[in-house]
Amino acid sequence: MKRRQFIMFLGGAAAWPLAARAQQAAMPVIGFLNSASPDGFYTSMVVAFRQGLKETGYIEGQNVAIEYSWAEGKYDRLPAMASELVRRQVTVIVANSPGNLAAKAATTTIPIVFTTANDPVQMGLVASLSRPGGNVTGTTQLGVEITPKLLELAHELVPTATVFAVLVNPTNPYAETLLREFQVAARTLGVQLHFLHASTDRDFDTVSASLAQLRVGVLVIGSIDPFCLAGANGSPR
């Protein structure tokens, strides 16, 4: 072997282990895609998320990075946000509804861990609960399925109330399903039901005025929408 070739070989041999170690040491990045905002309602949930990571050996900033993407109740932003996380080649995407659908549409290779209040099979997120398949898995609280129970519980707490209102975000893709479930429950209970819509901060002033005008006895919040939950609690969206 000629001297020049030998030197180049040694240089390449030395560089390869360094490149391999650098690749192995690369910090994994979690893409955190959420339809709400980081303030108020979701503050404690982010704390719990970080604590859960810590309990499994991952500490933000030390051996894992988190790329936060908050839609702040503007669901039309979610597809672009999901695509941006994919472009950045995050290690995994964690998403709530409806961001989980945007994430699934954006990638078939990056693992997606979802949380939802809906039936993930009916939504098309997974093939089945026992065998999700593909790159998507997660948990569900089945919030839509327990929707009638919310109205029944409200009726038990205030049995004299005959006029109820439900706060719903019309831009939520599951709003129609939620409304149908509430309508069925209202007919069963024999109560009058009004639907109040809120998809921006300004809408909550209108909602407050409508509650007085309609003489609503009980306000029920659609549990699947974090924007409505935060707004009704007076938290920043």
C-alpha atoms as a PDB file:
ATOM      1  CA  MET A   1       0.000   0.000   0.000  1.00  0.00           C
ATOM      2  CA  LYS A   2       1.367   3.397  -0.907  1.00  0.00           C
ATOM      3  CA  ARG A   3       2.118   5.864   1.882  1.00  0.00           C
ATOM      4  CA  ARG A   4      -0.588   8.341   0.802  1.00  0.00           C
ATOM      5  CA  GLN A   5      -3.250   5.615   0.565  1.00  0.00           C
ATOM      6  CA  PHE A   6      -2.210   4.294   3.978  1.00  0.00           C
ATOM      7  CA  ILE A   7      -2.618   7.717   5.603  1.00  0.00           C
ATOM      8  CA  MET A   8      -6.050   8.155   3.990  1.00  0.00           C
ATOM      9  CA  PHE A   9      -7.039   4.696   5.257  1.00  0.00           C
ATOM     10  CA  LEU A  10      -6.003   5.545   8.806  1.00  0.00           C
ATOM     11  CA  GLY A  11      -7.868   8.826   8.629  1.00  0.00           C
ATOM     12  CA  GLY A  12     -11.033   7.085   7.456  1.00  0.00           C
ATOM     13  CA  ALA A  13     -10.712   4.374  10.084  1.00  0.00           C
ATOM     14  CA  ALA A  14     -10.396   6.990  12.824  1.00  0.00           C
ATOM     15  CA  ALA A  15     -13.309   9.047  11.548  1.00  0.00           C
ATOM     16  CA  TRP A  16     -15.732   6.120  11.288  1.00  0.00           C
ATOM     17  CA  PRO A  17     -15.889   5.269  15.050  1.00  0.00           C
ATOM     18  CA  LEU A  18     -16.283   8.959  15.865  1.00  0.00           C
ATOM     19  CA  ALA A  19     -19.192   9.296  13.447  1.00  0.00           C
ATOM     20  CA  ALA A  20     -20.771   6.111  14.799  1.00  0.00           C
ATOM     21  CA  ARG A  21     -20.485   7.298  18.401  1.00  0.00           C
ATOM     22  CA  ALA A  22     -21.936  10.688  17.489  1.00  0.00           C
ATOM     23  CA  GLN A  23     -24.895   8.986  15.807  1.00  0.00           C
ATOM     24  CA  GLN A  24     -25.460   6.710  18.800  1.00  0.00           C
ATOM     25  CA  ALA A  25     -25.275   9.653  21.189  1.00  0.00           C
ATOM     26  CA  ALA A  26     -27.895  11.668  19.286  1.00  0.00           C
ATOM     27  CA  MET A  27     -30.655  12.707  21.687  1.00  0.00           C
ATOM     28  CA  PRO A  28     -34.134  11.341  20.818  1.00  0.00           C
ATOM     29  CA  VAL A  29     -36.755  14.004  20.132  1.00  0.00           C
ATOM     30  CA  ILE A  30     -40.422  13.673  21.089  1.00  0.00           C
ATOM     31  CA  GLY A  31     -42.838  15.644  18.935  1.00  0.00           C
ATOM     32  CA  PHE A  32     -45.577  16.835  21.313  1.00  0.00           C
ATOM     33  CA  LEU A  33     -48.631  17.768  19.208  1.00  0.00           C
ATOM     34  CA  ASN A  34     -51.563  19.211  21.148  1.00  0.00           C
ATOM     35  CA  SER A  35     -54.765  20.906  20.028  1.00  0.00           C
ATOM     36  CA  ALA A  36     -54.936  23.216  23.074  1.00  0.00           C
ATOM     37  CA  SER A  37     -52.462  25.670  24.662  1.00  0.00           C
ATOM     38  CA  PRO A  38     -49.738  25.073  27.279  1.00  0.00           C
ATOM     39  CA  ASP A  39     -51.404  27.351  29.833  1.00  0.00           C
ATOM     40  CA  GLY A  40     -54.161  26.714  32.313  1.00  0.00           C
ATOM     41  CA  PHE A  41     -55.935  23.397  31.775  1.00  0.00           C
ATOM     42  CA  TYR A  42     -52.953  21.589  30.247  1.00  0.00           C
ATOM     43  CA  THR A  43     -50.238  22.863  32.591  1.00  0.00           C
ATOM     44  CA  SER A  44     -50.646  20.000  35.053  1.00  0.00           C
ATOM     45  CA  MET A  45     -50.857  17.465  32.225  1.00  0.00           C
ATOM     46  CA  VAL A  46     -47.513  18.569  30.797  1.00  0.00           C
ATOM     47  CA  VAL A  47     -46.002  18.244  34.282  1.00  0.00           C
ATOM     48  CA  ALA A  48     -47.431  14.723  34.529  1.00  0.00           C
ATOM     49  CA  PHE A  49     -46.081  13.868  31.068  1.00  0.00           C
ATOM     50  CA  ARG A  50     -42.575  14.939  32.046  1.00  0.00           C
ATOM     51  CA  GLN A  51     -42.852  13.034  35.313  1.00  0.00           C
ATOM     52  CA  GLY A  52     -43.895   9.897  33.443  1.00  0.00           C
ATOM     53  CA  LEU A  53     -40.869  10.228  31.186  1.00  0.00           C
ATOM     54  CA  LYS A  54     -38.635  10.711  34.225  1.00  0.00           C
ATOM     55  CA  GLU A  55     -39.975   7.553  35.837  1.00  0.00           C
ATOM     56  CA  THR A  56     -38.899   5.588  32.760  1.00  0.00           C
ATOM     57  CA  GLY A  57     -35.436   7.134  32.761  1.00  0.00           C
ATOM     58  CA  TYR A  58     -35.908  10.060  30.372  1.00  0.00           C
ATOM     59  CA  ILE A  59     -35.268  13.607  31.579  1.00  0.00           C
ATOM     60  CA  GLU A  60     -36.043  16.525  29.292  1.00  0.00           C
ATOM     61  CA  GLY A  61     -32.900  18.364  28.295  1.00  0.00           C
ATOM     62  CA  GLN A  62     -30.589  15.599  29.519  1.00  0.00           C
ATOM     63  CA  ASN A  63     -31.285  12.487  27.497  1.00  0.00           C
ATOM     64  CA  VAL A  64     -34.456  13.450  25.605  1.00  0.00           C
ATOM     65  CA  ALA A  65     -35.714  16.589  23.865  1.00  0.00           C
ATOM     66  CA  ILE A  66     -39.363  17.599  23.443  1.00  0.00           C
ATOM     67  CA  GLU A  67     -40.568  19.640  20.481  1.00  0.00           C
ATOM     68  CA  TYR A  68     -43.833  21.291  21.594  1.00  0.00           C
ATOM     69  CA  SER A  69     -46.479  22.205  19.014  1.00  0.00           C
ATOM     70  CA  TRP A  70     -49.641  23.849  20.379  1.00  0.00           C
ATOM     71  CA  ALA A  71     -52.603  24.595  18.091  1.00  0.00           C
ATOM     72  CA  GLU A  72     -54.275  26.786  20.759  1.00  0.00           C
ATOM     73  CA  GLY A  73     -57.736  25.615  19.748  1.00  0.00           C
ATOM     74  CA  LYS A  74     -57.204  26.347  16.040  1.00  0.00           C
ATOM     75  CA  TYR A  75     -57.579  22.856  14.643  1.00  0.00           C
ATOM     76  CA  ASP A  76     -56.874  23.900  11.062  1.00  0.00           C
ATOM     77  CA  ARG A  77     -53.227  24.385  12.106  1.00  0.00           C
ATOM     78  CA  LEU A  78     -52.734  20.743  13.062  1.00  0.00           C
ATOM     79  CA  PRO A  79     -51.943  19.221   9.628  1.00  0.00           C
ATOM     80  CA  ALA A  80     -49.145  21.734   9.018  1.00  0.00           C
ATOM     81  CA  MET A  81     -47.805  21.232  12.546  1.00  0.00           C
ATOM     82  CA  ALA A  82     -47.781  17.461  12.118  1.00  0.00           C
ATOM     83  CA  SER A  83     -45.987  17.777   8.785  1.00  0.00           C
ATOM     84  CA  GLU A  84     -43.383  20.042  10.376  1.00  0.00           C
ATOM     85  CA  LEU A  85     -42.647  17.471  13.083  1.00  0.00           C
ATOM     86  CA  VAL A  86     -42.222  14.836  10.390  1.00  0.00           C
ATOM     87  CA  ARG A  87     -39.905  17.146   8.447  1.00  0.00           C
ATOM     88  CA  ARG A  88     -37.781  17.551  11.575  1.00  0.00           C
ATOM     89  CA  GLN A  89     -37.567  13.758  11.814  1.00  0.00           C
ATOM     90  CA  VAL A  90     -38.639  13.486  15.437  1.00  0.00           C
ATOM     91  CA  THR A  91     -38.251  10.086  17.061  1.00  0.00           C
ATOM     92  CA  VAL A  92     -41.900   9.735  18.085  1.00  0.00           C
ATOM     93  CA  ILE A  93     -45.047  11.881  17.996  1.00  0.00           C
ATOM     94  CA  VAL A  94     -47.351  12.192  21.004  1.00  0.00           C
ATOM     95  CA  ALA A  95     -50.726  13.693  20.066  1.00  0.00           C
ATOM     96  CA  ASN A  96     -54.200  14.267  21.455  1.00  0.00           C
ATOM     97  CA  SER A  97     -57.415  14.610  19.453  1.00  0.00           C
ATOM     98  CA  PRO A  98     -57.744  15.731  16.744  1.00  0.00           C
ATOM     99  CA  GLY A  99     -53.990  16.127  16.310  1.00  0.00           C
ATOM    100  CA  ASN A 100     -53.600  12.355  16.313  1.00  0.00           C
ATOM    101  CA  LEU A 101     -55.462  12.122  13.003  1.00  0.00           C
ATOM    102  CA  ALA A 102     -53.242  14.836  11.525  1.00  0.00           C
ATOM    103  CA  ALA A 103     -50.160  12.962  12.716  1.00  0.00           C
ATOM    104  CA  LYS A 104     -51.352   9.688  11.205  1.00  0.00           C
ATOM    105  CA  ALA A 105     -52.001  11.411   7.881  1.00  0.00           C
ATOM    106  CA  ALA A 106     -48.506  12.925   7.945  1.00  0.00           C
ATOM    107  CA  THR A 107     -46.425   9.768   8.457  1.00  0.00           C
ATOM    108  CA  THR A 108     -46.553   5.996   8.202  1.00  0.00           C
ATOM    109  CA  THR A 109     -43.084   5.427   9.659  1.00  0.00           C
ATOM    110  CA  ILE A 110     -42.636   7.621  12.743  1.00  0.00           C
ATOM    111  CA  PRO A 111     -44.283   5.972  15.798  1.00  0.00           C
ATOM    112  CA  ILE A 112     -47.385   7.836  17.043  1.00  0.00           C
ATOM    113  CA  VAL A 113     -48.733   7.586  20.592  1.00  0.00           C
ATOM    114  CA  PHE A 114     -52.215   9.059  20.909  1.00  0.00           C
ATOM    115  CA  THR A 115     -54.716   9.979  23.569  1.00  0.00           C
ATOM    116  CA  THR A 116     -58.361  10.435  22.690  1.00  0.00           C
ATOM    117  CA  ALA A 117     -61.799  10.522  24.238  1.00  0.00           C
ATOM    118  CA  ASN A 118     -63.259   8.738  21.220  1.00  0.00           C
ATOM    119  CA  ASP A 119     -63.286   5.205  19.877  1.00  0.00           C
ATOM    120  CA  PRO A 120     -59.920   4.953  18.050  1.00  0.00           C
ATOM    121  CA  VAL A 121     -61.209   2.134  15.848  1.00  0.00           C
ATOM    122  CA  GLN A 122     -64.219   4.144  14.709  1.00  0.00           C
ATOM    123  CA  MET A 123     -61.964   7.158  14.140  1.00  0.00           C
ATOM    124  CA  GLY A 124     -59.709   5.108  11.892  1.00  0.00           C
ATOM    125  CA  LEU A 125     -56.645   5.534  14.095  1.00  0.00           C
ATOM    126  CA  VAL A 126     -56.124   1.811  14.670  1.00  0.00           C
ATOM    127  CA  ALA A 127     -57.348  -1.450  13.183  1.00  0.00           C
ATOM    128  CA  SER A 128     -58.491  -2.822  16.541  1.00  0.00           C
ATOM    129  CA  LEU A 129     -57.993  -2.207  20.251  1.00  0.00           C
ATOM    130  CA  SER A 130     -56.113  -5.470  20.781  1.00  0.00           C
ATOM    131  CA  ARG A 131     -53.990  -5.191  17.616  1.00  0.00           C
ATOM    132  CA  PRO A 132     -53.565  -1.535  16.638  1.00  0.00           C
ATOM    133  CA  GLY A 133     -51.231  -2.316  13.743  1.00  0.00           C
ATOM    134  CA  GLY A 134     -49.178   0.174  11.739  1.00  0.00           C
ATOM    135  CA  ASN A 135     -47.238   2.919  13.499  1.00  0.00           C
ATOM    136  CA  VAL A 136     -50.045   4.110  15.817  1.00  0.00           C
ATOM    137  CA  THR A 137     -50.939   3.131  19.383  1.00  0.00           C
ATOM    138  CA  GLY A 138     -52.292   4.897  22.464  1.00  0.00           C
ATOM    139  CA  THR A 139     -55.078   5.191  25.007  1.00  0.00           C
ATOM    140  CA  THR A 140     -58.716   6.214  24.983  1.00  0.00           C
ATOM    141  CA  GLN A 141     -61.015   7.530  27.705  1.00  0.00           C
ATOM    142  CA  LEU A 142     -64.128   6.755  25.604  1.00  0.00           C
ATOM    143  CA  GLY A 143     -65.492  10.235  26.404  1.00  0.00           C
ATOM    144  CA  VAL A 144     -68.107  10.179  23.650  1.00  0.00           C
ATOM    145  CA  GLU A 145     -69.505   6.889  24.911  1.00  0.00           C
ATOM    146  CA  ILE A 146     -70.021   8.320  28.403  1.00  0.00           C
ATOM    147  CA  THR A 147     -71.576  11.553  27.096  1.00  0.00           C
ATOM    148  CA  PRO A 148     -75.148  10.545  28.108  1.00  0.00           C
ATOM    149  CA  LYS A 149     -73.878   9.967  31.632  1.00  0.00           C
ATOM    150  CA  LEU A 150     -72.752  13.604  31.861  1.00  0.00           C
ATOM    151  CA  LEU A 151     -76.293  14.795  31.244  1.00  0.00           C
ATOM    152  CA  GLU A 152     -77.750  12.170  33.578  1.00  0.00           C
ATOM    153  CA  LEU A 153     -75.362  13.210  36.346  1.00  0.00           C
ATOM    154  CA  ALA A 154     -76.206  16.889  35.842  1.00  0.00           C
ATOM    155  CA  HIS A 155     -79.897  16.036  36.053  1.00  0.00           C
ATOM    156  CA  GLU A 156     -79.339  14.151  39.305  1.00  0.00           C
ATOM    157  CA  LEU A 157     -77.366  17.044  40.802  1.00  0.00           C
ATOM    158  CA  VAL A 158     -80.001  19.637  39.831  1.00  0.00           C
ATOM    159  CA  PRO A 159     -83.280  17.695  39.522  1.00  0.00           C
ATOM    160  CA  THR A 160     -85.370  20.872  39.348  1.00  0.00           C
ATOM    161  CA  ALA A 161     -83.592  22.128  36.221  1.00  0.00           C
ATOM    162  CA  THR A 162     -85.504  21.692  32.979  1.00  0.00           C
ATOM    163  CA  VAL A 163     -83.299  23.732  30.647  1.00  0.00           C
ATOM    164  CA  PHE A 164     -79.765  22.501  29.949  1.00  0.00           C
ATOM    165  CA  ALA A 165     -77.006  23.831  27.723  1.00  0.00           C
ATOM    166  CA  VAL A 166     -74.027  22.060  26.213  1.00  0.00           C
ATOM    167  CA  LEU A 167     -70.846  23.945  25.326  1.00  0.00           C
ATOM    168  CA  VAL A 168     -69.328  22.605  22.116  1.00  0.00           C
ATOM    169  CA  ASN A 169     -66.514  23.620  19.803  1.00  0.00           C
ATOM    170  CA  PRO A 170     -68.033  23.340  16.286  1.00  0.00           C
ATOM    171  CA  THR A 171     -64.598  23.062  14.680  1.00  0.00           C
ATOM    172  CA  ASN A 172     -63.879  19.849  16.553  1.00  0.00           C
ATOM    173  CA  PRO A 173     -64.235  16.982  14.046  1.00  0.00           C
ATOM    174  CA  TYR A 174     -66.127  14.938  16.634  1.00  0.00           C
ATOM    175  CA  ALA A 175     -68.639  17.661  17.471  1.00  0.00           C
ATOM    176  CA  GLU A 176     -71.484  16.143  15.451  1.00  0.00           C
ATOM    177  CA  THR A 177     -71.125  12.769  17.138  1.00  0.00           C
ATOM    178  CA  LEU A 178     -71.102  14.458  20.528  1.00  0.00           C
ATOM    179  CA  LEU A 179     -74.245  16.458  19.732  1.00  0.00           C
ATOM    180  CA  ARG A 180     -76.139  13.367  18.634  1.00  0.00           C
ATOM    181  CA  GLU A 181     -75.303  11.590  21.891  1.00  0.00           C
ATOM    182  CA  PHE A 182     -76.452  14.573  23.946  1.00  0.00           C
ATOM    183  CA  GLN A 183     -79.699  14.839  21.992  1.00  0.00           C
ATOM    184  CA  VAL A 184     -80.519  11.192  22.659  1.00  0.00           C
ATOM    185  CA  ALA A 185     -79.818  11.640  26.375  1.00  0.00           C
ATOM    186  CA  ALA A 186     -81.930  14.829  26.559  1.00  0.00           C
ATOM    187  CA  ARG A 187     -84.943  13.097  24.972  1.00  0.00           C
ATOM    188  CA  THR A 188     -84.607  10.218  27.415  1.00  0.00           C
ATOM    189  CA  LEU A 189     -84.516  12.602  30.394  1.00  0.00           C
ATOM    190  CA  GLY A 190     -87.266  14.834  28.999  1.00  0.00           C
ATOM    191  CA  VAL A 191     -85.288  18.071  29.327  1.00  0.00           C
ATOM    192  CA  GLN A 192     -84.833  21.008  26.979  1.00  0.00           C
ATOM    193  CA  LEU A 193     -81.348  21.220  25.513  1.00  0.00           C
ATOM    194  CA  HIS A 194     -79.513  24.137  23.885  1.00  0.00           C
ATOM    195  CA  PHE A 195     -76.141  23.944  22.148  1.00  0.00           C
ATOM    196  CA  LEU A 196     -73.771  26.857  22.645  1.00  0.00           C
ATOM    197  CA  HIS A 197     -70.758  27.138  20.349  1.00  0.00           C
ATOM    198  CA  ALA A 198     -67.273  28.398  21.178  1.00  0.00           C
ATOM    199  CA  SER A 199     -64.248  28.167  18.909  1.00  0.00           C
ATOM    200  CA  THR A 200     -62.535  31.488  19.743  1.00  0.00           C
ATOM    201  CA  ASP A 201     -61.970  33.477  22.930  1.00  0.00           C
ATOM    202  CA  ARG A 202     -64.550  36.050  21.851  1.00  0.00           C
ATOM    203  CA  ASP A 203     -67.259  33.384  21.751  1.00  0.00           C
ATOM    204  CA  PHE A 204     -67.235  32.937  25.514  1.00  0.00           C
ATOM    205  CA  ASP A 205     -68.767  36.393  26.025  1.00  0.00           C
ATOM    206  CA  THR A 206     -71.645  35.359  23.765  1.00  0.00           C
ATOM    207  CA  VAL A 207     -71.967  32.070  25.628  1.00  0.00           C
ATOM    208  CA  SER A 208     -72.255  33.885  28.962  1.00  0.00           C
ATOM    209  CA  ALA A 209     -74.975  36.167  27.614  1.00  0.00           C
ATOM    210  CA  SER A 210     -76.873  33.225  26.124  1.00  0.00           C
ATOM    211  CA  LEU A 211     -76.894  31.346  29.429  1.00  0.00           C
ATOM    212  CA  ALA A 212     -78.767  34.199  31.076  1.00  0.00           C
ATOM    213  CA  GLN A 213     -81.060  34.793  28.128  1.00  0.00           C
ATOM    214  CA  LEU A 214     -82.071  31.130  27.841  1.00  0.00           C
ATOM    215  CA  ARG A 215     -82.381  30.774  31.630  1.00  0.00           C
ATOM    216  CA  VAL A 216     -80.184  27.712  31.608  1.00  0.00           C
ATOM    217  CA  GLY A 217     -80.194  25.696  34.812  1.00  0.00           C
ATOM    218  CA  VAL A 218     -77.113  23.590  34.078  1.00  0.00           C
ATOM    219  CA  LEU A 219     -74.187  23.980  31.668  1.00  0.00           C
ATOM    220  CA  VAL A 220     -72.520  20.764  30.507  1.00  0.00           C
ATOM    221  CA  ILE A 221     -69.154  20.903  28.752  1.00  0.00           C
ATOM    222  CA  GLY A 222     -68.339  18.528  25.924  1.00  0.00           C
ATOM    223  CA  SER A 223     -65.536  16.552  27.564  1.00  0.00           C
ATOM    224  CA  ILE A 224     -63.669  15.823  24.321  1.00  0.00           C
ATOM    225  CA  ASP A 225     -62.728  19.428  23.624  1.00  0.00           C
ATOM    226  CA  PRO A 226     -59.840  20.938  25.650  1.00  0.00           C
ATOM    227  CA  PHE A 227     -60.539  24.412  24.273  1.00  0.00           C
ATOM    228  CA  CYS A 228     -64.040  24.466  25.752  1.00  0.00           C
ATOM    229  CA  LEU A 229     -62.825  22.981  29.023  1.00  0.00           C
ATOM    230  CA  ALA A 230     -60.145  25.639  29.383  1.00  0.00           C
ATOM    231  CA  GLY A 231     -62.474  28.472  28.420  1.00  0.00           C
ATOM    232  CA  ALA A 232     -65.223  27.419  30.794  1.00  0.00           C
ATOM    233  CA  ASN A 233     -62.691  27.221  33.618  1.00  0.00           C
ATOM    234  CA  GLY A 234     -61.506  30.739  32.855  1.00  0.00           C
ATOM    235  CA  SER A 235     -58.030  29.542  31.869  1.00  0.00           C
ATOM    236  CA  PRO A 236     -56.053  31.143  29.043  1.00  0.00           C
ATOM    237  CA  ARG A 237     -56.487  29.313  25.733  1.00  0.00           C
END
